Amino acid sequence: RDAPSLVIIPELQASGAQVAAYDPEGVEMARPMLPGVEFADD
């Protein structure tokens, strides 16, 4: 909820960036909210 990543990442993607991301606990919650992001294991 209100995570800055939900604003920052789509803006970067709209500018043409390919985004990889990692979060120790939030990947499963973030995955459906951030399409097109490559999620890493660490």
PDB file of all heavy atoms in Angstrom:
ATOM      1  N   ARG A   1       0.842  -1.199   0.000  1.00  0.00           N
ATOM      2  CA  ARG A   1       0.000   0.000   0.000  1.00  0.00           C
ATOM      3  C   ARG A   1       0.874   1.245   0.000  1.00  0.00           C
ATOM      4  O   ARG A   1       1.763   1.383   0.825  1.00  0.00           O
ATOM      5  CB  ARG A   1      -0.913   0.021   1.227  1.00  0.00           C
ATOM      6  CG  ARG A   1      -1.987  -1.036   1.210  1.00  0.00           C
ATOM      7  CD  ARG A   1      -2.754  -1.050   2.487  1.00  0.00           C
ATOM      8  NE  ARG A   1      -1.835  -1.480   3.557  1.00  0.00           N
ATOM      9  CZ  ARG A   1      -2.051  -1.276   4.832  1.00  0.00           C
ATOM     10  NH1 ARG A   1      -3.134  -0.645   5.238  1.00  0.00           N
ATOM     11  NH2 ARG A   1      -1.195  -1.706   5.731  1.00  0.00           N
ATOM     12  N   ASP A   2       0.615   2.142  -0.915  1.00  0.00           N
ATOM     13  CA  ASP A   2       1.337   3.404  -1.033  1.00  0.00           C
ATOM     14  C   ASP A   2       2.836   3.227  -1.242  1.00  0.00           C
ATOM     15  O   ASP A   2       3.617   4.138  -0.929  1.00  0.00           O
ATOM     16  CB  ASP A   2       1.093   4.303   0.188  1.00  0.00           C
ATOM     17  CG  ASP A   2      -0.367   4.671   0.345  1.00  0.00           C
ATOM     18  OD1 ASP A   2      -1.009   4.966  -0.686  1.00  0.00           O
ATOM     19  OD2 ASP A   2      -0.870   4.659   1.487  1.00  0.00           O
ATOM     20  N   ALA A   3       3.261   2.086  -1.746  1.00  0.00           N
ATOM     21  CA  ALA A   3       4.683   1.851  -1.990  1.00  0.00           C
ATOM     22  C   ALA A   3       5.180   2.746  -3.130  1.00  0.00           C
ATOM     23  O   ALA A   3       4.558   2.801  -4.192  1.00  0.00           O
ATOM     24  CB  ALA A   3       4.922   0.389  -2.341  1.00  0.00           C
ATOM     25  N   PRO A   4       6.281   3.452  -2.930  1.00  0.00           N
ATOM     26  CA  PRO A   4       6.832   4.303  -3.989  1.00  0.00           C
ATOM     27  C   PRO A   4       7.168   3.523  -5.262  1.00  0.00           C
ATOM     28  O   PRO A   4       7.119   4.076  -6.360  1.00  0.00           O
ATOM     29  CB  PRO A   4       8.098   4.889  -3.370  1.00  0.00           C
ATOM     30  CG  PRO A   4       7.967   4.713  -1.912  1.00  0.00           C
ATOM     31  CD  PRO A   4       7.051   3.547  -1.696  1.00  0.00           C
ATOM     32  N   SER A   5       7.479   2.254  -5.119  1.00  0.00           N
ATOM     33  CA  SER A   5       7.816   1.447  -6.298  1.00  0.00           C
ATOM     34  C   SER A   5       6.661   1.387  -7.290  1.00  0.00           C
ATOM     35  O   SER A   5       6.886   1.263  -8.498  1.00  0.00           O
ATOM     36  CB  SER A   5       8.199   0.028  -5.878  1.00  0.00           C
ATOM     37  OG  SER A   5       7.118  -0.630  -5.241  1.00  0.00           O
ATOM     38  N   LEU A   6       5.418   1.501  -6.800  1.00  0.00           N
ATOM     39  CA  LEU A   6       4.249   1.444  -7.680  1.00  0.00           C
ATOM     40  C   LEU A   6       4.120   2.672  -8.562  1.00  0.00           C
ATOM     41  O   LEU A   6       3.382   2.660  -9.552  1.00  0.00           O
ATOM     42  CB  LEU A   6       2.978   1.248  -6.846  1.00  0.00           C
ATOM     43  CG  LEU A   6       2.903  -0.052  -6.055  1.00  0.00           C
ATOM     44  CD1 LEU A   6       1.650  -0.080  -5.192  1.00  0.00           C
ATOM     45  CD2 LEU A   6       2.963  -1.260  -6.979  1.00  0.00           C
ATOM     46  N   VAL A   7       4.827   3.728  -8.227  1.00  0.00           N
ATOM     47  CA  VAL A   7       4.857   4.942  -9.047  1.00  0.00           C
ATOM     48  C   VAL A   7       6.148   4.998  -9.855  1.00  0.00           C
ATOM     49  O   VAL A   7       6.139   5.250 -11.062  1.00  0.00           O
ATOM     50  CB  VAL A   7       4.730   6.206  -8.164  1.00  0.00           C
ATOM     51  CG1 VAL A   7       4.884   7.468  -8.998  1.00  0.00           C
ATOM     52  CG2 VAL A   7       3.406   6.194  -7.412  1.00  0.00           C
ATOM     53  N   ILE A   8       7.264   4.735  -9.192  1.00  0.00           N
ATOM     54  CA  ILE A   8       8.579   4.869  -9.822  1.00  0.00           C
ATOM     55  C   ILE A   8       8.774   3.891 -10.973  1.00  0.00           C
ATOM     56  O   ILE A   8       9.188   4.275 -12.073  1.00  0.00           O
ATOM     57  CB  ILE A   8       9.690   4.689  -8.769  1.00  0.00           C
ATOM     58  CG1 ILE A   8       9.629   5.831  -7.753  1.00  0.00           C
ATOM     59  CG2 ILE A   8      11.061   4.615  -9.430  1.00  0.00           C
ATOM     60  CD1 ILE A   8      10.479   5.605  -6.516  1.00  0.00           C
ATOM     61  N   ILE A   9       8.470   2.627 -10.734  1.00  0.00           N
ATOM     62  CA  ILE A   9       8.734   1.608 -11.753  1.00  0.00           C
ATOM     63  C   ILE A   9       7.901   1.818 -13.016  1.00  0.00           C
ATOM     64  O   ILE A   9       8.456   1.807 -14.123  1.00  0.00           O
ATOM     65  CB  ILE A   9       8.583   0.194 -11.166  1.00  0.00           C
ATOM     66  CG1 ILE A   9       9.734  -0.058 -10.179  1.00  0.00           C
ATOM     67  CG2 ILE A   9       8.550  -0.867 -12.264  1.00  0.00           C
ATOM     68  CD1 ILE A   9       9.622  -1.345  -9.394  1.00  0.00           C
ATOM     69  N   PRO A  10       6.585   2.043 -12.944  1.00  0.00           N
ATOM     70  CA  PRO A  10       5.835   2.291 -14.180  1.00  0.00           C
ATOM     71  C   PRO A  10       6.322   3.529 -14.948  1.00  0.00           C
ATOM     72  O   PRO A  10       6.314   3.543 -16.180  1.00  0.00           O
ATOM     73  CB  PRO A  10       4.389   2.469 -13.707  1.00  0.00           C
ATOM     74  CG  PRO A  10       4.323   1.674 -12.448  1.00  0.00           C
ATOM     75  CD  PRO A  10       5.675   1.877 -11.803  1.00  0.00           C
ATOM     76  N   GLU A  11       6.761   4.547 -14.227  1.00  0.00           N
ATOM     77  CA  GLU A  11       7.296   5.745 -14.911  1.00  0.00           C
ATOM     78  C   GLU A  11       8.581   5.404 -15.665  1.00  0.00           C
ATOM     79  O   GLU A  11       8.791   5.860 -16.792  1.00  0.00           O
ATOM     80  CB  GLU A  11       7.550   6.873 -13.911  1.00  0.00           C
ATOM     81  CG  GLU A  11       6.291   7.528 -13.401  1.00  0.00           C
ATOM     82  CD  GLU A  11       5.534   8.292 -14.482  1.00  0.00           C
ATOM     83  OE1 GLU A  11       6.167   8.888 -15.383  1.00  0.00           O
ATOM     84  OE2 GLU A  11       4.293   8.290 -14.443  1.00  0.00           O
ATOM     85  N   LEU A  12       9.446   4.629 -15.036  1.00  0.00           N
ATOM     86  CA  LEU A  12      10.675   4.213 -15.721  1.00  0.00           C
ATOM     87  C   LEU A  12      10.358   3.344 -16.935  1.00  0.00           C
ATOM     88  O   LEU A  12      10.951   3.522 -18.009  1.00  0.00           O
ATOM     89  CB  LEU A  12      11.592   3.464 -14.755  1.00  0.00           C
ATOM     90  CG  LEU A  12      12.253   4.304 -13.673  1.00  0.00           C
ATOM     91  CD1 LEU A  12      12.927   3.410 -12.642  1.00  0.00           C
ATOM     92  CD2 LEU A  12      13.246   5.280 -14.274  1.00  0.00           C
ATOM     93  N   GLN A  13       9.407   2.425 -16.781  1.00  0.00           N
ATOM     94  CA  GLN A  13       9.009   1.573 -17.898  1.00  0.00           C
ATOM     95  C   GLN A  13       8.423   2.403 -19.039  1.00  0.00           C
ATOM     96  O   GLN A  13       8.700   2.130 -20.202  1.00  0.00           O
ATOM     97  CB  GLN A  13       8.002   0.521 -17.440  1.00  0.00           C
ATOM     98  CG  GLN A  13       8.614  -0.540 -16.546  1.00  0.00           C
ATOM     99  CD  GLN A  13       7.572  -1.468 -15.959  1.00  0.00           C
ATOM    100  OE1 GLN A  13       6.513  -1.017 -15.497  1.00  0.00           O
ATOM    101  NE2 GLN A  13       7.859  -2.766 -15.953  1.00  0.00           N
ATOM    102  N   ALA A  14       7.634   3.418 -18.713  1.00  0.00           N
ATOM    103  CA  ALA A  14       7.050   4.283 -19.738  1.00  0.00           C
ATOM    104  C   ALA A  14       8.126   5.044 -20.501  1.00  0.00           C
ATOM    105  O   ALA A  14       7.920   5.413 -21.659  1.00  0.00           O
ATOM    106  CB  ALA A  14       6.054   5.263 -19.103  1.00  0.00           C
ATOM    107  N   SER A  15       9.270   5.235 -19.856  1.00  0.00           N
ATOM    108  CA  SER A  15      10.402   5.917 -20.504  1.00  0.00           C
ATOM    109  C   SER A  15      11.298   4.933 -21.252  1.00  0.00           C
ATOM    110  O   SER A  15      12.338   5.333 -21.771  1.00  0.00           O
ATOM    111  CB  SER A  15      11.226   6.670 -19.461  1.00  0.00           C
ATOM    112  OG  SER A  15      10.451   7.675 -18.864  1.00  0.00           O
ATOM    113  N   GLY A  16      10.926   3.661 -21.258  1.00  0.00           N
ATOM    114  CA  GLY A  16      11.672   2.665 -22.010  1.00  0.00           C
ATOM    115  C   GLY A  16      12.622   1.803 -21.195  1.00  0.00           C
ATOM    116  O   GLY A  16      13.328   0.968 -21.750  1.00  0.00           O
ATOM    117  N   ALA A  17      12.648   1.974 -19.891  1.00  0.00           N
ATOM    118  CA  ALA A  17      13.551   1.184 -19.054  1.00  0.00           C
ATOM    119  C   ALA A  17      13.045  -0.245 -18.877  1.00  0.00           C
ATOM    120  O   ALA A  17      11.840  -0.471 -18.769  1.00  0.00           O
ATOM    121  CB  ALA A  17      13.702   1.836 -17.684  1.00  0.00           C
ATOM    122  N   GLN A  18      13.973  -1.173 -18.851  1.00  0.00           N
ATOM    123  CA  GLN A  18      13.683  -2.545 -18.457  1.00  0.00           C
ATOM    124  C   GLN A  18      14.052  -2.625 -16.987  1.00  0.00           C
ATOM    125  O   GLN A  18      15.169  -2.265 -16.605  1.00  0.00           O
ATOM    126  CB  GLN A  18      14.490  -3.533 -19.275  1.00  0.00           C
ATOM    127  CG  GLN A  18      14.101  -3.552 -20.733  1.00  0.00           C
ATOM    128  CD  GLN A  18      14.958  -4.526 -21.513  1.00  0.00           C
ATOM    129  OE1 GLN A  18      16.151  -4.616 -21.302  1.00  0.00           O
ATOM    130  NE2 GLN A  18      14.318  -5.270 -22.397  1.00  0.00           N
ATOM    131  N   VAL A  19      13.152  -3.101 -16.165  1.00  0.00           N
ATOM    132  CA  VAL A  19      13.345  -3.062 -14.724  1.00  0.00           C
ATOM    133  C   VAL A  19      13.462  -4.467 -14.144  1.00  0.00           C
ATOM    134  O   VAL A  19      12.608  -5.315 -14.384  1.00  0.00           O
ATOM    135  CB  VAL A  19      12.179  -2.308 -14.037  1.00  0.00           C
ATOM    136  CG1 VAL A  19      12.345  -2.311 -12.528  1.00  0.00           C
ATOM    137  CG2 VAL A  19      12.084  -0.879 -14.564  1.00  0.00           C
ATOM    138  N   ALA A  20      14.523  -4.655 -13.361  1.00  0.00           N
ATOM    139  CA  ALA A  20      14.684  -5.851 -12.535  1.00  0.00           C
ATOM    140  C   ALA A  20      14.522  -5.397 -11.099  1.00  0.00           C
ATOM    141  O   ALA A  20      14.931  -4.286 -10.742  1.00  0.00           O
ATOM    142  CB  ALA A  20      16.050  -6.478 -12.755  1.00  0.00           C
ATOM    143  N   ALA A  21      13.919  -6.238 -10.270  1.00  0.00           N
ATOM    144  CA  ALA A  21      13.657  -5.834  -8.894  1.00  0.00           C
ATOM    145  C   ALA A  21      13.839  -6.993  -7.939  1.00  0.00           C
ATOM    146  O   ALA A  21      13.683  -8.160  -8.309  1.00  0.00           O
ATOM    147  CB  ALA A  21      12.232  -5.290  -8.775  1.00  0.00           C
ATOM    148  N   TYR A  22      14.152  -6.624  -6.707  1.00  0.00           N
ATOM    149  CA  TYR A  22      14.261  -7.602  -5.624  1.00  0.00           C
ATOM    150  C   TYR A  22      13.742  -6.975  -4.341  1.00  0.00           C
ATOM    151  O   TYR A  22      14.015  -5.810  -4.049  1.00  0.00           O
ATOM    152  CB  TYR A  22      15.714  -8.050  -5.412  1.00  0.00           C
ATOM    153  CG  TYR A  22      15.877  -8.841  -4.148  1.00  0.00           C
ATOM    154  CD1 TYR A  22      15.351 -10.128  -4.039  1.00  0.00           C
ATOM    155  CD2 TYR A  22      16.526  -8.301  -3.045  1.00  0.00           C
ATOM    156  CE1 TYR A  22      15.463 -10.844  -2.852  1.00  0.00           C
ATOM    157  CE2 TYR A  22      16.651  -9.022  -1.862  1.00  0.00           C
ATOM    158  CZ  TYR A  22      16.122 -10.287  -1.777  1.00  0.00           C
ATOM    159  OH  TYR A  22      16.228 -10.997  -0.617  1.00  0.00           O
ATOM    160  N   ASP A  23      12.990  -7.763  -3.589  1.00  0.00           N
ATOM    161  CA  ASP A  23      12.532  -7.374  -2.262  1.00  0.00           C
ATOM    162  C   ASP A  23      12.530  -8.641  -1.413  1.00  0.00           C
ATOM    163  O   ASP A  23      12.037  -9.678  -1.867  1.00  0.00           O
ATOM    164  CB  ASP A  23      11.119  -6.787  -2.330  1.00  0.00           C
ATOM    165  CG  ASP A  23      10.675  -6.190  -1.007  1.00  0.00           C
ATOM    166  OD1 ASP A  23      10.262  -6.958  -0.119  1.00  0.00           O
ATOM    167  OD2 ASP A  23      10.758  -4.956  -0.862  1.00  0.00           O
ATOM    168  N   PRO A  24      13.077  -8.585  -0.204  1.00  0.00           N
ATOM    169  CA  PRO A  24      13.153  -9.791   0.622  1.00  0.00           C
ATOM    170  C   PRO A  24      11.808 -10.442   0.953  1.00  0.00           C
ATOM    171  O   PRO A  24      11.742 -11.649   1.126  1.00  0.00           O
ATOM    172  CB  PRO A  24      13.843  -9.314   1.901  1.00  0.00           C
ATOM    173  CG  PRO A  24      14.612  -8.108   1.485  1.00  0.00           C
ATOM    174  CD  PRO A  24      13.777  -7.464   0.417  1.00  0.00           C
ATOM    175  N   GLU A  25      10.745  -9.663   1.045  1.00  0.00           N
ATOM    176  CA  GLU A  25       9.445 -10.242   1.416  1.00  0.00           C
ATOM    177  C   GLU A  25       8.295  -9.869   0.487  1.00  0.00           C
ATOM    178  O   GLU A  25       7.257 -10.520   0.522  1.00  0.00           O
ATOM    179  CB  GLU A  25       9.073  -9.817   2.843  1.00  0.00           C
ATOM    180  CG  GLU A  25       9.962 -10.433   3.898  1.00  0.00           C
ATOM    181  CD  GLU A  25       9.488 -10.130   5.305  1.00  0.00           C
ATOM    182  OE1 GLU A  25       8.283  -9.915   5.522  1.00  0.00           O
ATOM    183  OE2 GLU A  25      10.359 -10.101   6.192  1.00  0.00           O
ATOM    184  N   GLY A  26       8.444  -8.845  -0.329  1.00  0.00           N
ATOM    185  CA  GLY A  26       7.307  -8.315  -1.060  1.00  0.00           C
ATOM    186  C   GLY A  26       7.105  -8.747  -2.490  1.00  0.00           C
ATOM    187  O   GLY A  26       6.173  -8.283  -3.143  1.00  0.00           O
ATOM    188  N   VAL A  27       7.941  -9.647  -2.998  1.00  0.00           N
ATOM    189  CA  VAL A  27       7.853  -9.998  -4.416  1.00  0.00           C
ATOM    190  C   VAL A  27       6.492 -10.569  -4.793  1.00  0.00           C
ATOM    191  O   VAL A  27       5.903 -10.169  -5.799  1.00  0.00           O
ATOM    192  CB  VAL A  27       8.987 -10.960  -4.823  1.00  0.00           C
ATOM    193  CG1 VAL A  27       8.766 -11.518  -6.222  1.00  0.00           C
ATOM    194  CG2 VAL A  27      10.328 -10.241  -4.755  1.00  0.00           C
ATOM    195  N   GLU A  28       5.977 -11.483  -4.014  1.00  0.00           N
ATOM    196  CA  GLU A  28       4.698 -12.109  -4.379  1.00  0.00           C
ATOM    197  C   GLU A  28       3.545 -11.107  -4.383  1.00  0.00           C
ATOM    198  O   GLU A  28       2.656 -11.194  -5.238  1.00  0.00           O
ATOM    199  CB  GLU A  28       4.399 -13.300  -3.477  1.00  0.00           C
ATOM    200  CG  GLU A  28       5.354 -14.460  -3.684  1.00  0.00           C
ATOM    201  CD  GLU A  28       5.539 -14.855  -5.145  1.00  0.00           C
ATOM    202  OE1 GLU A  28       4.541 -15.013  -5.885  1.00  0.00           O
ATOM    203  OE2 GLU A  28       6.702 -14.984  -5.564  1.00  0.00           O
ATOM    204  N   MET A  29       3.552 -10.159  -3.473  1.00  0.00           N
ATOM    205  CA  MET A  29       2.515  -9.119  -3.468  1.00  0.00           C
ATOM    206  C   MET A  29       2.723  -8.137  -4.623  1.00  0.00           C
ATOM    207  O   MET A  29       1.765  -7.634  -5.202  1.00  0.00           O
ATOM    208  CB  MET A  29       2.527  -8.366  -2.136  1.00  0.00           C
ATOM    209  CG  MET A  29       2.136  -9.221  -0.942  1.00  0.00           C
ATOM    210  SD  MET A  29       0.449  -9.846  -1.029  1.00  0.00           S
ATOM    211  CE  MET A  29      -0.471  -8.365  -0.743  1.00  0.00           C
ATOM    212  N   ALA A  30       3.990  -7.861  -4.944  1.00  0.00           N
ATOM    213  CA  ALA A  30       4.305  -6.871  -5.979  1.00  0.00           C
ATOM    214  C   ALA A  30       4.104  -7.413  -7.395  1.00  0.00           C
ATOM    215  O   ALA A  30       3.751  -6.659  -8.302  1.00  0.00           O
ATOM    216  CB  ALA A  30       5.744  -6.391  -5.808  1.00  0.00           C
ATOM    217  N   ARG A  31       4.342  -8.683  -7.590  1.00  0.00           N
ATOM    218  CA  ARG A  31       4.325  -9.274  -8.938  1.00  0.00           C
ATOM    219  C   ARG A  31       3.075  -8.902  -9.743  1.00  0.00           C
ATOM    220  O   ARG A  31       3.196  -8.419 -10.874  1.00  0.00           O
ATOM    221  CB  ARG A  31       4.491 -10.788  -8.832  1.00  0.00           C
ATOM    222  CG  ARG A  31       4.750 -11.465 -10.153  1.00  0.00           C
ATOM    223  CD  ARG A  31       4.921 -12.975  -9.997  1.00  0.00           C
ATOM    224  NE  ARG A  31       5.925 -13.374  -9.034  1.00  0.00           N
ATOM    225  CZ  ARG A  31       7.227 -13.490  -9.285  1.00  0.00           C
ATOM    226  NH1 ARG A  31       7.689 -13.219 -10.484  1.00  0.00           N
ATOM    227  NH2 ARG A  31       8.059 -13.889  -8.336  1.00  0.00           N
ATOM    228  N   PRO A  32       1.854  -9.067  -9.222  1.00  0.00           N
ATOM    229  CA  PRO A  32       0.687  -8.714 -10.046  1.00  0.00           C
ATOM    230  C   PRO A  32       0.505  -7.202 -10.227  1.00  0.00           C
ATOM    231  O   PRO A  32      -0.190  -6.771 -11.139  1.00  0.00           O
ATOM    232  CB  PRO A  32      -0.499  -9.309  -9.279  1.00  0.00           C
ATOM    233  CG  PRO A  32      -0.019  -9.502  -7.888  1.00  0.00           C
ATOM    234  CD  PRO A  32       1.461  -9.713  -7.967  1.00  0.00           C
ATOM    235  N   MET A  33       1.147  -6.407  -9.392  1.00  0.00           N
ATOM    236  CA  MET A  33       1.009  -4.955  -9.466  1.00  0.00           C
ATOM    237  C   MET A  33       2.036  -4.308 -10.398  1.00  0.00           C
ATOM    238  O   MET A  33       1.876  -3.139 -10.755  1.00  0.00           O
ATOM    239  CB  MET A  33       1.175  -4.345  -8.070  1.00  0.00           C
ATOM    240  CG  MET A  33       0.156  -4.804  -7.083  1.00  0.00           C
ATOM    241  SD  MET A  33       0.576  -4.125  -5.462  1.00  0.00           S
ATOM    242  CE  MET A  33      -0.893  -4.510  -4.567  1.00  0.00           C
ATOM    243  N   LEU A  34       3.071  -5.069 -10.756  1.00  0.00           N
ATOM    244  CA  LEU A  34       4.163  -4.507 -11.548  1.00  0.00           C
ATOM    245  C   LEU A  34       4.452  -5.393 -12.763  1.00  0.00           C
ATOM    246  O   LEU A  34       5.483  -6.078 -12.828  1.00  0.00           O
ATOM    247  CB  LEU A  34       5.418  -4.351 -10.678  1.00  0.00           C
ATOM    248  CG  LEU A  34       5.303  -3.349  -9.535  1.00  0.00           C
ATOM    249  CD1 LEU A  34       6.468  -3.496  -8.566  1.00  0.00           C
ATOM    250  CD2 LEU A  34       5.222  -1.931 -10.081  1.00  0.00           C
ATOM    251  N   PRO A  35       3.554  -5.375 -13.749  1.00  0.00           N
ATOM    252  CA  PRO A  35       3.781  -6.203 -14.940  1.00  0.00           C
ATOM    253  C   PRO A  35       5.033  -5.752 -15.695  1.00  0.00           C
ATOM    254  O   PRO A  35       5.387  -4.575 -15.693  1.00  0.00           O
ATOM    255  CB  PRO A  35       2.512  -5.978 -15.768  1.00  0.00           C
ATOM    256  CG  PRO A  35       1.932  -4.703 -15.270  1.00  0.00           C
ATOM    257  CD  PRO A  35       2.343  -4.573 -13.832  1.00  0.00           C
ATOM    258  N   GLY A  36       5.702  -6.709 -16.280  1.00  0.00           N
ATOM    259  CA  GLY A  36       6.879  -6.407 -17.089  1.00  0.00           C
ATOM    260  C   GLY A  36       8.172  -6.305 -16.297  1.00  0.00           C
ATOM    261  O   GLY A  36       9.242  -6.113 -16.877  1.00  0.00           O
ATOM    262  N   VAL A  37       8.097  -6.455 -14.988  1.00  0.00           N
ATOM    263  CA  VAL A  37       9.288  -6.394 -14.153  1.00  0.00           C
ATOM    264  C   VAL A  37       9.888  -7.797 -14.048  1.00  0.00           C
ATOM    265  O   VAL A  37       9.169  -8.775 -13.879  1.00  0.00           O
ATOM    266  CB  VAL A  37       8.952  -5.850 -12.744  1.00  0.00           C
ATOM    267  CG1 VAL A  37      10.144  -5.983 -11.800  1.00  0.00           C
ATOM    268  CG2 VAL A  37       8.510  -4.400 -12.838  1.00  0.00           C
ATOM    269  N   GLU A  38      11.200  -7.870 -14.154  1.00  0.00           N
ATOM    270  CA  GLU A  38      11.911  -9.130 -13.934  1.00  0.00           C
ATOM    271  C   GLU A  38      12.257  -9.198 -12.450  1.00  0.00           C
ATOM    272  O   GLU A  38      12.953  -8.329 -11.938  1.00  0.00           O
ATOM    273  CB  GLU A  38      13.186  -9.167 -14.768  1.00  0.00           C
ATOM    274  CG  GLU A  38      14.005 -10.406 -14.561  1.00  0.00           C
ATOM    275  CD  GLU A  38      15.314 -10.369 -15.325  1.00  0.00           C
ATOM    276  OE1 GLU A  38      15.394  -9.703 -16.366  1.00  0.00           O
ATOM    277  OE2 GLU A  38      16.272 -10.992 -14.840  1.00  0.00           O
ATOM    278  N   PHE A  39      11.761 -10.200 -11.763  1.00  0.00           N
ATOM    279  CA  PHE A  39      11.993 -10.324 -10.328  1.00  0.00           C
ATOM    280  C   PHE A  39      13.157 -11.268 -10.072  1.00  0.00           C
ATOM    281  O   PHE A  39      13.201 -12.364 -10.613  1.00  0.00           O
ATOM    282  CB  PHE A  39      10.724 -10.819  -9.625  1.00  0.00           C
ATOM    283  CG  PHE A  39       9.617  -9.810  -9.687  1.00  0.00           C
ATOM    284  CD1 PHE A  39       8.651  -9.884 -10.671  1.00  0.00           C
ATOM    285  CD2 PHE A  39       9.558  -8.768  -8.777  1.00  0.00           C
ATOM    286  CE1 PHE A  39       7.632  -8.950 -10.750  1.00  0.00           C
ATOM    287  CE2 PHE A  39       8.546  -7.823  -8.844  1.00  0.00           C
ATOM    288  CZ  PHE A  39       7.588  -7.910  -9.838  1.00  0.00           C
ATOM    289  N   ALA A  40      14.100 -10.819  -9.249  1.00  0.00           N
ATOM    290  CA  ALA A  40      15.305 -11.586  -8.939  1.00  0.00           C
ATOM    291  C   ALA A  40      15.168 -12.278  -7.592  1.00  0.00           C
ATOM    292  O   ALA A  40      14.364 -11.883  -6.749  1.00  0.00           O
ATOM    293  CB  ALA A  40      16.512 -10.652  -8.934  1.00  0.00           C
ATOM    294  N   ASP A  41      16.008 -13.298  -7.395  1.00  0.00           N
ATOM    295  CA  ASP A  41      15.988 -14.074  -6.157  1.00  0.00           C
ATOM    296  C   ASP A  41      16.799 -13.443  -5.031  1.00  0.00           C
ATOM    297  O   ASP A  41      16.651 -13.820  -3.880  1.00  0.00           O
ATOM    298  CB  ASP A  41      16.507 -15.487  -6.408  1.00  0.00           C
ATOM    299  CG  ASP A  41      15.565 -16.294  -7.283  1.00  0.00           C
ATOM    300  OD1 ASP A  41      14.341 -16.042  -7.236  1.00  0.00           O
ATOM    301  OD2 ASP A  41      16.051 -17.165  -8.026  1.00  0.00           O
ATOM    302  N   ASP A  42      17.703 -12.517  -5.372  1.00  0.00           N
ATOM    303  CA  ASP A  42      18.486 -11.821  -4.351  1.00  0.00           C
ATOM    304  C   ASP A  42      18.990 -10.500  -4.929  1.00  0.00           C
ATOM    305  O   ASP A  42      18.858 -10.246  -6.129  1.00  0.00           O
ATOM    306  CB  ASP A  42      19.637 -12.682  -3.814  1.00  0.00           C
ATOM    307  CG  ASP A  42      20.667 -13.040  -4.859  1.00  0.00           C
ATOM    308  OD1 ASP A  42      21.282 -12.120  -5.458  1.00  0.00           O
ATOM    309  OD2 ASP A  42      20.884 -14.245  -5.088  1.00  0.00           O
TER     310      ASP A  42
END
